[in-house]
C-alpha cells in the first residue's frame, strides 16, 4: 500500500514538473532555453508513459521528444537567431 502511494506521489510530482517545463518554454525569450525545457518535458512524459505501463510509447517519446526534436530545434535556432523579439 505504501509503495503505490509513493509511486502516485512521484507521478504527480513529475506531471507538475512537465507542466512547469512546458509553461516555462512558452514564456522564455531565449530560444535555446525553450529547446532545453521542451526536451525535459519530453523526458518527463516518457517517464509518465513508462509508469503507465506503456513502454513502447515511453521509448518513442524519449527518443523523439527528449532527443531528436530538441536537437533539430537547437540546430534551427543556431542557424537563425537565438533571442525571440
Protein backbone atom coordinates (compact mmCIF):
# COMPACT_ATOMS: atom_id res chain seq x y z
CA UNK A 1 0.00 0.00 0.00
CA UNK A 2 2.77 2.44 0.85
CA UNK A 3 4.68 1.74 -2.37
CA UNK A 4 1.64 2.52 -4.50
CA UNK A 5 1.15 5.85 -2.74
CA UNK A 6 4.81 6.78 -3.24
CA UNK A 7 4.58 5.98 -6.94
CA UNK A 8 1.43 8.05 -7.27
CA UNK A 9 3.01 10.98 -5.45
CA UNK A 10 6.08 10.72 -7.69
CA UNK A 11 3.88 10.63 -10.79
CA UNK A 12 2.00 13.74 -9.69
CA UNK A 13 5.31 15.48 -8.98
CA UNK A 14 6.62 14.60 -12.46
CA UNK A 15 3.35 15.79 -14.02
CA UNK A 16 3.78 19.11 -12.24
CA UNK A 17 7.39 19.38 -13.45
CA UNK A 18 6.34 18.59 -17.04
CA UNK A 19 3.66 21.27 -16.86
CA UNK A 20 6.16 23.79 -15.46
CA UNK A 21 8.65 22.85 -18.16
CA UNK A 22 6.21 23.50 -20.99
CA UNK A 23 4.85 26.71 -19.46
CA UNK A 24 8.41 27.90 -18.94
CA UNK A 25 9.17 27.16 -22.58
CA UNK A 26 6.19 29.27 -23.62
CA UNK A 27 7.29 32.36 -21.70
CA UNK A 28 11.03 32.23 -22.48
CA UNK A 29 12.56 34.73 -24.88
CA UNK A 30 15.80 32.75 -25.27
CA UNK A 31 15.02 30.02 -27.78
CA UNK A 32 17.81 27.69 -26.59
CA UNK A 33 16.20 27.66 -23.14
CA UNK A 34 12.90 26.80 -24.83
CA UNK A 35 14.56 23.86 -26.57
CA UNK A 36 16.04 22.58 -23.30
CA UNK A 37 12.73 22.95 -21.45
CA UNK A 38 10.76 21.13 -24.14
CA UNK A 39 13.36 18.34 -24.12
CA UNK A 40 12.98 17.99 -20.35
CA UNK A 41 9.22 17.94 -20.76
CA UNK A 42 9.54 15.15 -23.31
CA UNK A 43 11.68 13.11 -20.95
CA UNK A 44 9.18 13.67 -18.16
CA UNK A 45 6.38 12.47 -20.42
CA UNK A 46 8.45 9.41 -21.28
CA UNK A 47 8.73 8.62 -17.57
CA UNK A 48 4.98 9.03 -17.14
CA UNK A 49 4.26 6.73 -20.07
CA UNK A 50 6.56 4.10 -18.59
CA UNK A 51 4.82 4.39 -15.23
CA UNK A 52 1.51 3.84 -17.06
CA UNK A 53 2.97 0.57 -18.41
CA UNK A 54 3.28 1.76 -21.99
CA UNK A 55 6.96 1.06 -22.70
CA UNK A 56 6.66 1.39 -26.48
CA UNK A 57 5.19 4.88 -26.19
CA UNK A 58 7.73 5.77 -23.49
CA UNK A 59 10.69 4.79 -25.65
CA UNK A 60 9.28 6.65 -28.64
CA UNK A 61 8.67 9.78 -26.56
CA UNK A 62 12.14 9.59 -25.02
CA UNK A 63 13.81 9.29 -28.41
CA UNK A 64 11.71 11.82 -30.28
CA UNK A 65 10.55 14.24 -27.58
CA UNK A 66 13.69 14.10 -25.48
CA UNK A 67 16.45 13.90 -28.08
CA UNK A 68 15.64 14.15 -31.79
CA UNK A 69 13.24 17.10 -31.87
CA UNK A 70 15.26 19.22 -29.40
CA UNK A 71 18.37 18.54 -31.48
CA UNK A 72 16.59 19.68 -34.65
CA UNK A 73 15.20 22.74 -32.86
CA UNK A 74 18.64 23.63 -31.46
CA UNK A 75 20.17 23.31 -34.92
CA UNK A 76 17.45 25.57 -36.33
CA UNK A 77 17.94 28.15 -33.58
CA UNK A 78 21.69 28.09 -34.20
CA UNK A 79 21.13 28.78 -37.90
CA UNK A 80 18.74 31.68 -37.20
CA UNK A 81 18.61 33.99 -34.19
CA UNK A 82 18.76 32.95 -30.56
CA UNK A 83 16.55 35.62 -28.96
CA UNK A 84 12.89 35.95 -29.90
CA UNK A 85 11.88 39.56 -30.41
